[in-house]
Structure formats: structure tokens, C-alpha cells
């Protein structure tokens, strides 16, 4: 009888060992792999490696595969991979001080266009003040850009396109009352 109990305990022990071995998560990279650093940390590391300051990643737009980084001097757009795991390319930034200085001659918005950043990818991005409530980009099919608040009366707005964004742009800018602040063809 003791042999039967010993055999039963051994079988039960083997079953327990097999159960825990099968239910333990796989530590090797694969479909369940969780990266050790976040996308924000990876972006900041790459930005800082290019001698730029990285205060924080303000926005990650996974639909457009673009992120925006706040630095000491401005906003830096970066392209991220389609699987949203790494930074692919850093684009020229928007400078806070330059916008403040040129606001009198440029008005409440300023922008930059980067065409063919990658195959079938162009981006238009810029700054706008709080007085700007709506922007319509007439020359890009009457598109209204995405926007997000940065700080101190300052917003960033942007659109991405598979096609080249042609200059000069035709942009109509509205205030909170629906009144046109500026409009017509303007060059960068």
C-alpha cells in the first residue's frame, strides 16, 4: 500500500511540475514580448542622442505614425514606426522664440511643410495662438488639421498626407466667433 501512495505522490508531483512549467510565461522575445522601455523613453533617448533637449513627448498619433516632442526651444515632430515601437526620423522643429518674434508679421499662425519625408508621407505642421479656433487648409481639400495644446496660449496643429503638399498654401483662419482672422494664399 505504501508503494501505491508513493507512486500516487510522484505522479501528482509530476503533474504539478508540468502544470507550472506550461503556465509560466515565456521569457523569450515573441508574440508576448513586452519591451523594457516605453516608446516615449525610446524617442527621448534618440532625440537626445542628436544633441536636442527632450522635456517630454506631448503627443503620439498612432493613426499618422507621428509624435511631437517638447524641447527647451520648441516642438520637434518625429516619425514613428508602423508598429509604434521606435522612432524612425526626426523632422525640423518649430521654435517658440521665433514664433513670438515673427507673430507680428506672420499673424496668429505659422507653419512648415515637409514633403516626401518618407515614401508617400508629407506633413504640414505649425503653431497657432489661442485666438485661432479653426483652421481650414483650402489648398489641401478643405482639411481641418489636428491640434493640441502646448502651453501659454500656444497650440500645435498638423496634417499628414500621402501626397505632396503644394505651396503656396491657401489657409482660412477663424476666431471663436466664426470671423475670418486671415485667409488666402500665403507662402511659407
C-alpha atoms as a PDB file:
ATOM      1  CA  UNK A   1       0.000   0.000   0.000  1.00  0.00           C
ATOM      2  CA  UNK A   2       2.834   2.405   0.725  1.00  0.00           C
ATOM      3  CA  UNK A   3       4.200   1.795  -2.785  1.00  0.00           C
ATOM      4  CA  UNK A   4       0.831   2.849  -4.222  1.00  0.00           C
ATOM      5  CA  UNK A   5       0.819   6.052  -2.122  1.00  0.00           C
ATOM      6  CA  UNK A   6       4.401   6.812  -3.087  1.00  0.00           C
ATOM      7  CA  UNK A   7       3.606   6.259  -6.779  1.00  0.00           C
ATOM      8  CA  UNK A   8       0.498   8.435  -6.496  1.00  0.00           C
ATOM      9  CA  UNK A   9       2.515  11.233  -4.837  1.00  0.00           C
ATOM     10  CA  UNK A  10       5.187  11.032  -7.536  1.00  0.00           C
ATOM     11  CA  UNK A  11       2.536  11.220 -10.278  1.00  0.00           C
ATOM     12  CA  UNK A  12       0.851  14.123  -8.526  1.00  0.00           C
ATOM     13  CA  UNK A  13       4.220  15.884  -8.180  1.00  0.00           C
ATOM     14  CA  UNK A  14       4.956  15.362 -11.875  1.00  0.00           C
ATOM     15  CA  UNK A  15       1.545  16.765 -12.805  1.00  0.00           C
ATOM     16  CA  UNK A  16       2.144  19.849 -10.625  1.00  0.00           C
ATOM     17  CA  UNK A  17       5.589  20.431 -12.165  1.00  0.00           C
ATOM     18  CA  UNK A  18       4.197  20.058 -15.706  1.00  0.00           C
ATOM     19  CA  UNK A  19       1.284  22.401 -14.909  1.00  0.00           C
ATOM     20  CA  UNK A  20       3.525  25.174 -13.570  1.00  0.00           C
ATOM     21  CA  UNK A  21       6.013  24.744 -16.430  1.00  0.00           C
ATOM     22  CA  UNK A  22       3.238  25.087 -19.018  1.00  0.00           C
ATOM     23  CA  UNK A  23       1.530  28.031 -17.318  1.00  0.00           C
ATOM     24  CA  UNK A  24       4.728  30.056 -16.748  1.00  0.00           C
ATOM     25  CA  UNK A  25       5.058  32.973 -19.210  1.00  0.00           C
ATOM     26  CA  UNK A  26       7.712  32.620 -21.882  1.00  0.00           C
ATOM     27  CA  UNK A  27      10.645  34.934 -21.194  1.00  0.00           C
ATOM     28  CA  UNK A  28      11.994  34.844 -24.753  1.00  0.00           C
ATOM     29  CA  UNK A  29      11.009  37.595 -27.241  1.00  0.00           C
ATOM     30  CA  UNK A  30       7.987  36.643 -29.295  1.00  0.00           C
ATOM     31  CA  UNK A  31       4.359  37.499 -29.653  1.00  0.00           C
ATOM     32  CA  UNK A  32       4.051  38.180 -25.914  1.00  0.00           C
ATOM     33  CA  UNK A  33       7.232  40.251 -25.732  1.00  0.00           C
ATOM     34  CA  UNK A  34       6.941  43.455 -23.701  1.00  0.00           C
ATOM     35  CA  UNK A  35       9.694  45.985 -24.380  1.00  0.00           C
ATOM     36  CA  UNK A  36      11.754  47.122 -21.405  1.00  0.00           C
ATOM     37  CA  UNK A  37      11.456  50.824 -22.323  1.00  0.00           C
ATOM     38  CA  UNK A  38       8.407  52.753 -23.356  1.00  0.00           C
ATOM     39  CA  UNK A  39       8.057  54.420 -26.746  1.00  0.00           C
ATOM     40  CA  UNK A  40       8.313  57.813 -25.024  1.00  0.00           C
ATOM     41  CA  UNK A  41      11.635  56.869 -23.423  1.00  0.00           C
ATOM     42  CA  UNK A  42      12.957  55.464 -26.711  1.00  0.00           C
ATOM     43  CA  UNK A  43      12.002  58.661 -28.564  1.00  0.00           C
ATOM     44  CA  UNK A  44      13.613  60.908 -25.941  1.00  0.00           C
ATOM     45  CA  UNK A  45      16.791  58.808 -25.982  1.00  0.00           C
ATOM     46  CA  UNK A  46      17.093  59.167 -29.774  1.00  0.00           C
ATOM     47  CA  UNK A  47      16.285  62.887 -29.700  1.00  0.00           C
ATOM     48  CA  UNK A  48      18.913  63.493 -27.005  1.00  0.00           C
ATOM     49  CA  UNK A  49      21.447  61.453 -28.997  1.00  0.00           C
ATOM     50  CA  UNK A  50      21.096  64.097 -31.718  1.00  0.00           C
ATOM     51  CA  UNK A  51      22.044  66.859 -29.276  1.00  0.00           C
ATOM     52  CA  UNK A  52      18.473  68.040 -28.766  1.00  0.00           C
ATOM     53  CA  UNK A  53      16.772  68.540 -25.428  1.00  0.00           C
ATOM     54  CA  UNK A  54      13.762  66.293 -24.714  1.00  0.00           C
ATOM     55  CA  UNK A  55      11.486  67.578 -21.956  1.00  0.00           C
ATOM     56  CA  UNK A  56       8.650  65.191 -22.782  1.00  0.00           C
ATOM     57  CA  UNK A  57       6.673  63.548 -25.559  1.00  0.00           C
ATOM     58  CA  UNK A  58       3.484  65.597 -25.760  1.00  0.00           C
ATOM     59  CA  UNK A  59       1.505  63.555 -28.272  1.00  0.00           C
ATOM     60  CA  UNK A  60       1.780  60.241 -30.094  1.00  0.00           C
ATOM     61  CA  UNK A  61      -0.605  59.957 -33.054  1.00  0.00           C
ATOM     62  CA  UNK A  62      -0.688  56.264 -33.923  1.00  0.00           C
ATOM     63  CA  UNK A  63      -3.009  56.860 -36.892  1.00  0.00           C
ATOM     64  CA  UNK A  64      -0.442  59.135 -38.569  1.00  0.00           C
ATOM     65  CA  UNK A  65       2.676  57.448 -37.098  1.00  0.00           C
ATOM     66  CA  UNK A  66       3.952  60.769 -35.824  1.00  0.00           C
ATOM     67  CA  UNK A  67       4.859  62.036 -32.346  1.00  0.00           C
ATOM     68  CA  UNK A  68       5.622  65.504 -31.023  1.00  0.00           C
ATOM     69  CA  UNK A  69       8.408  66.168 -28.536  1.00  0.00           C
ATOM     70  CA  UNK A  70       8.710  69.309 -26.433  1.00  0.00           C
ATOM     71  CA  UNK A  71      12.245  70.587 -26.135  1.00  0.00           C
ATOM     72  CA  UNK A  72      13.650  73.637 -24.415  1.00  0.00           C
ATOM     73  CA  UNK A  73      13.406  75.627 -27.649  1.00  0.00           C
ATOM     74  CA  UNK A  74      10.280  74.293 -29.319  1.00  0.00           C
ATOM     75  CA  UNK A  75       8.371  71.337 -30.692  1.00  0.00           C
ATOM     76  CA  UNK A  76      10.039  68.544 -32.663  1.00  0.00           C
ATOM     77  CA  UNK A  77       7.903  66.224 -34.787  1.00  0.00           C
ATOM     78  CA  UNK A  78       9.234  62.685 -35.166  1.00  0.00           C
ATOM     79  CA  UNK A  79       8.092  59.786 -37.304  1.00  0.00           C
ATOM     80  CA  UNK A  80       7.496  56.503 -35.510  1.00  0.00           C
ATOM     81  CA  UNK A  81       7.474  53.004 -36.956  1.00  0.00           C
ATOM     82  CA  UNK A  82       4.221  51.483 -38.174  1.00  0.00           C
ATOM     83  CA  UNK A  83       4.291  49.024 -35.289  1.00  0.00           C
ATOM     84  CA  UNK A  84       4.703  52.007 -32.874  1.00  0.00           C
ATOM     85  CA  UNK A  85       7.843  50.645 -31.236  1.00  0.00           C
ATOM     86  CA  UNK A  86      10.596  53.073 -32.273  1.00  0.00           C
ATOM     87  CA  UNK A  87      11.439  56.479 -33.677  1.00  0.00           C
ATOM     88  CA  UNK A  88      12.247  56.440 -37.391  1.00  0.00           C
ATOM     89  CA  UNK A  89      13.131  60.046 -38.209  1.00  0.00           C
ATOM     90  CA  UNK A  90      13.271  63.462 -36.546  1.00  0.00           C
ATOM     91  CA  UNK A  91      11.920  66.439 -38.510  1.00  0.00           C
ATOM     92  CA  UNK A  92      12.888  70.118 -38.270  1.00  0.00           C
ATOM     93  CA  UNK A  93      11.306  71.721 -35.237  1.00  0.00           C
ATOM     94  CA  UNK A  94       9.149  74.734 -34.532  1.00  0.00           C
ATOM     95  CA  UNK A  95      10.902  77.364 -32.412  1.00  0.00           C
ATOM     96  CA  UNK A  96       8.940  79.059 -29.589  1.00  0.00           C
ATOM     97  CA  UNK A  97      11.020  82.253 -29.626  1.00  0.00           C
ATOM     98  CA  UNK A  98      10.964  82.555 -33.408  1.00  0.00           C
ATOM     99  CA  UNK A  99       7.165  82.282 -33.409  1.00  0.00           C
ATOM    100  CA  UNK A 100       6.853  85.022 -30.763  1.00  0.00           C
ATOM    101  CA  UNK A 101       9.204  87.320 -32.676  1.00  0.00           C
ATOM    102  CA  UNK A 102       7.592  86.780 -36.075  1.00  0.00           C
ATOM    103  CA  UNK A 103       3.978  86.813 -34.853  1.00  0.00           C
ATOM    104  CA  UNK A 104       3.552  90.484 -35.809  1.00  0.00           C
ATOM    105  CA  UNK A 105       4.470  89.919 -39.449  1.00  0.00           C
ATOM    106  CA  UNK A 106       3.134  86.347 -39.853  1.00  0.00           C
ATOM    107  CA  UNK A 107      -0.074  86.680 -37.860  1.00  0.00           C
ATOM    108  CA  UNK A 108      -1.564  84.201 -35.365  1.00  0.00           C
ATOM    109  CA  UNK A 109      -0.374  81.074 -37.227  1.00  0.00           C
ATOM    110  CA  UNK A 110       2.877  79.865 -38.700  1.00  0.00           C
ATOM    111  CA  UNK A 111       3.704  76.594 -40.390  1.00  0.00           C
ATOM    112  CA  UNK A 112       6.280  74.400 -42.007  1.00  0.00           C
ATOM    113  CA  UNK A 113       5.862  71.827 -44.773  1.00  0.00           C
ATOM    114  CA  UNK A 114       7.999  68.716 -45.137  1.00  0.00           C
ATOM    115  CA  UNK A 115       7.257  66.841 -48.370  1.00  0.00           C
ATOM    116  CA  UNK A 116       8.333  63.285 -49.125  1.00  0.00           C
ATOM    117  CA  UNK A 117       9.697  62.708 -45.640  1.00  0.00           C
ATOM    118  CA  UNK A 118       9.285  59.046 -46.481  1.00  0.00           C
ATOM    119  CA  UNK A 119       7.680  57.353 -49.447  1.00  0.00           C
ATOM    120  CA  UNK A 120       4.076  58.591 -49.595  1.00  0.00           C
ATOM    121  CA  UNK A 121       4.363  60.727 -46.443  1.00  0.00           C
ATOM    122  CA  UNK A 122       4.286  64.516 -46.179  1.00  0.00           C
ATOM    123  CA  UNK A 123       3.437  66.663 -43.170  1.00  0.00           C
ATOM    124  CA  UNK A 124       2.283  70.228 -42.589  1.00  0.00           C
ATOM    125  CA  UNK A 125       2.639  71.497 -39.026  1.00  0.00           C
ATOM    126  CA  UNK A 126       2.705  74.793 -37.205  1.00  0.00           C
ATOM    127  CA  UNK A 127       1.890  76.990 -34.235  1.00  0.00           C
ATOM    128  CA  UNK A 128      -1.299  78.939 -33.547  1.00  0.00           C
ATOM    129  CA  UNK A 129      -2.336  81.240 -30.711  1.00  0.00           C
ATOM    130  CA  UNK A 130      -5.480  80.898 -28.582  1.00  0.00           C
ATOM    131  CA  UNK A 131      -7.293  83.447 -30.738  1.00  0.00           C
ATOM    132  CA  UNK A 132      -7.288  80.859 -33.562  1.00  0.00           C
ATOM    133  CA  UNK A 133     -10.156  78.430 -33.054  1.00  0.00           C
ATOM    134  CA  UNK A 134     -10.443  76.851 -36.508  1.00  0.00           C
ATOM    135  CA  UNK A 135      -8.037  76.463 -39.407  1.00  0.00           C
ATOM    136  CA  UNK A 136      -9.160  75.273 -42.821  1.00  0.00           C
ATOM    137  CA  UNK A 137      -6.455  74.324 -45.319  1.00  0.00           C
ATOM    138  CA  UNK A 138      -8.225  75.132 -48.559  1.00  0.00           C
ATOM    139  CA  UNK A 139      -5.402  74.010 -50.848  1.00  0.00           C
ATOM    140  CA  UNK A 140      -5.368  70.543 -49.219  1.00  0.00           C
ATOM    141  CA  UNK A 141      -9.008  69.741 -49.947  1.00  0.00           C
ATOM    142  CA  UNK A 142     -10.520  71.976 -47.255  1.00  0.00           C
ATOM    143  CA  UNK A 143      -8.998  69.873 -44.482  1.00  0.00           C
ATOM    144  CA  UNK A 144      -9.154  70.889 -40.856  1.00  0.00           C
ATOM    145  CA  UNK A 145      -5.908  69.967 -39.102  1.00  0.00           C
ATOM    146  CA  UNK A 146      -5.464  68.107 -35.839  1.00  0.00           C
ATOM    147  CA  UNK A 147      -4.387  70.310 -32.978  1.00  0.00           C
ATOM    148  CA  UNK A 148      -3.200  70.027 -29.399  1.00  0.00           C
ATOM    149  CA  UNK A 149      -2.444  72.497 -26.622  1.00  0.00           C
ATOM    150  CA  UNK A 150       1.195  73.063 -25.671  1.00  0.00           C
ATOM    151  CA  UNK A 151       1.088  75.878 -23.096  1.00  0.00           C
ATOM    152  CA  UNK A 152       0.849  79.636 -22.625  1.00  0.00           C
ATOM    153  CA  UNK A 153      -1.678  80.498 -25.337  1.00  0.00           C
ATOM    154  CA  UNK A 154       0.052  78.168 -27.827  1.00  0.00           C
ATOM    155  CA  UNK A 155      -1.309  75.294 -29.906  1.00  0.00           C
ATOM    156  CA  UNK A 156       0.321  72.964 -32.432  1.00  0.00           C
ATOM    157  CA  UNK A 157      -1.678  71.977 -35.500  1.00  0.00           C
ATOM    158  CA  UNK A 158      -0.785  69.440 -38.193  1.00  0.00           C
ATOM    159  CA  UNK A 159      -1.955  67.272 -41.084  1.00  0.00           C
ATOM    160  CA  UNK A 160      -0.265  64.352 -42.780  1.00  0.00           C
ATOM    161  CA  UNK A 161      -0.713  63.396 -46.405  1.00  0.00           C
ATOM    162  CA  UNK A 162       0.280  60.633 -48.785  1.00  0.00           C
ATOM    163  CA  UNK A 163       0.595  63.269 -51.500  1.00  0.00           C
ATOM    164  CA  UNK A 164       2.945  66.220 -51.786  1.00  0.00           C
ATOM    165  CA  UNK A 165       1.614  69.352 -50.057  1.00  0.00           C
ATOM    166  CA  UNK A 166       1.847  72.142 -52.599  1.00  0.00           C
ATOM    167  CA  UNK A 167       2.903  75.687 -51.781  1.00  0.00           C
ATOM    168  CA  UNK A 168       1.696  78.365 -51.616  1.00  0.00           C
ATOM    169  CA  UNK A 169      -0.952  77.255 -49.164  1.00  0.00           C
ATOM    170  CA  UNK A 170      -4.437  78.617 -49.130  1.00  0.00           C
ATOM    171  CA  UNK A 171      -5.466  78.766 -45.463  1.00  0.00           C
ATOM    172  CA  UNK A 172      -8.502  80.329 -43.803  1.00  0.00           C
ATOM    173  CA  UNK A 173      -8.240  81.074 -40.085  1.00  0.00           C
ATOM    174  CA  UNK A 174     -11.304  81.709 -37.885  1.00  0.00           C
ATOM    175  CA  UNK A 175     -11.680  83.100 -34.365  1.00  0.00           C
ATOM    176  CA  UNK A 176     -14.114  81.921 -31.656  1.00  0.00           C
ATOM    177  CA  UNK A 177     -16.958  83.972 -33.203  1.00  0.00           C
ATOM    178  CA  UNK A 178     -16.500  82.415 -36.632  1.00  0.00           C
ATOM    179  CA  UNK A 179     -14.941  85.577 -38.027  1.00  0.00           C
ATOM    180  CA  UNK A 180     -12.080  85.227 -40.509  1.00  0.00           C
ATOM    181  CA  UNK A 181      -8.805  86.352 -38.950  1.00  0.00           C
ATOM    182  CA  UNK A 182      -6.763  85.703 -42.084  1.00  0.00           C
ATOM    183  CA  UNK A 183      -7.171  83.860 -45.334  1.00  0.00           C
ATOM    184  CA  UNK A 184      -5.962  83.483 -48.879  1.00  0.00           C
ATOM    185  CA  UNK A 185      -2.733  82.272 -50.429  1.00  0.00           C
ATOM    186  CA  UNK A 186       0.276  82.578 -48.196  1.00  0.00           C
ATOM    187  CA  UNK A 187       3.774  81.237 -48.695  1.00  0.00           C
ATOM    188  CA  UNK A 188       5.830  79.523 -46.026  1.00  0.00           C
END
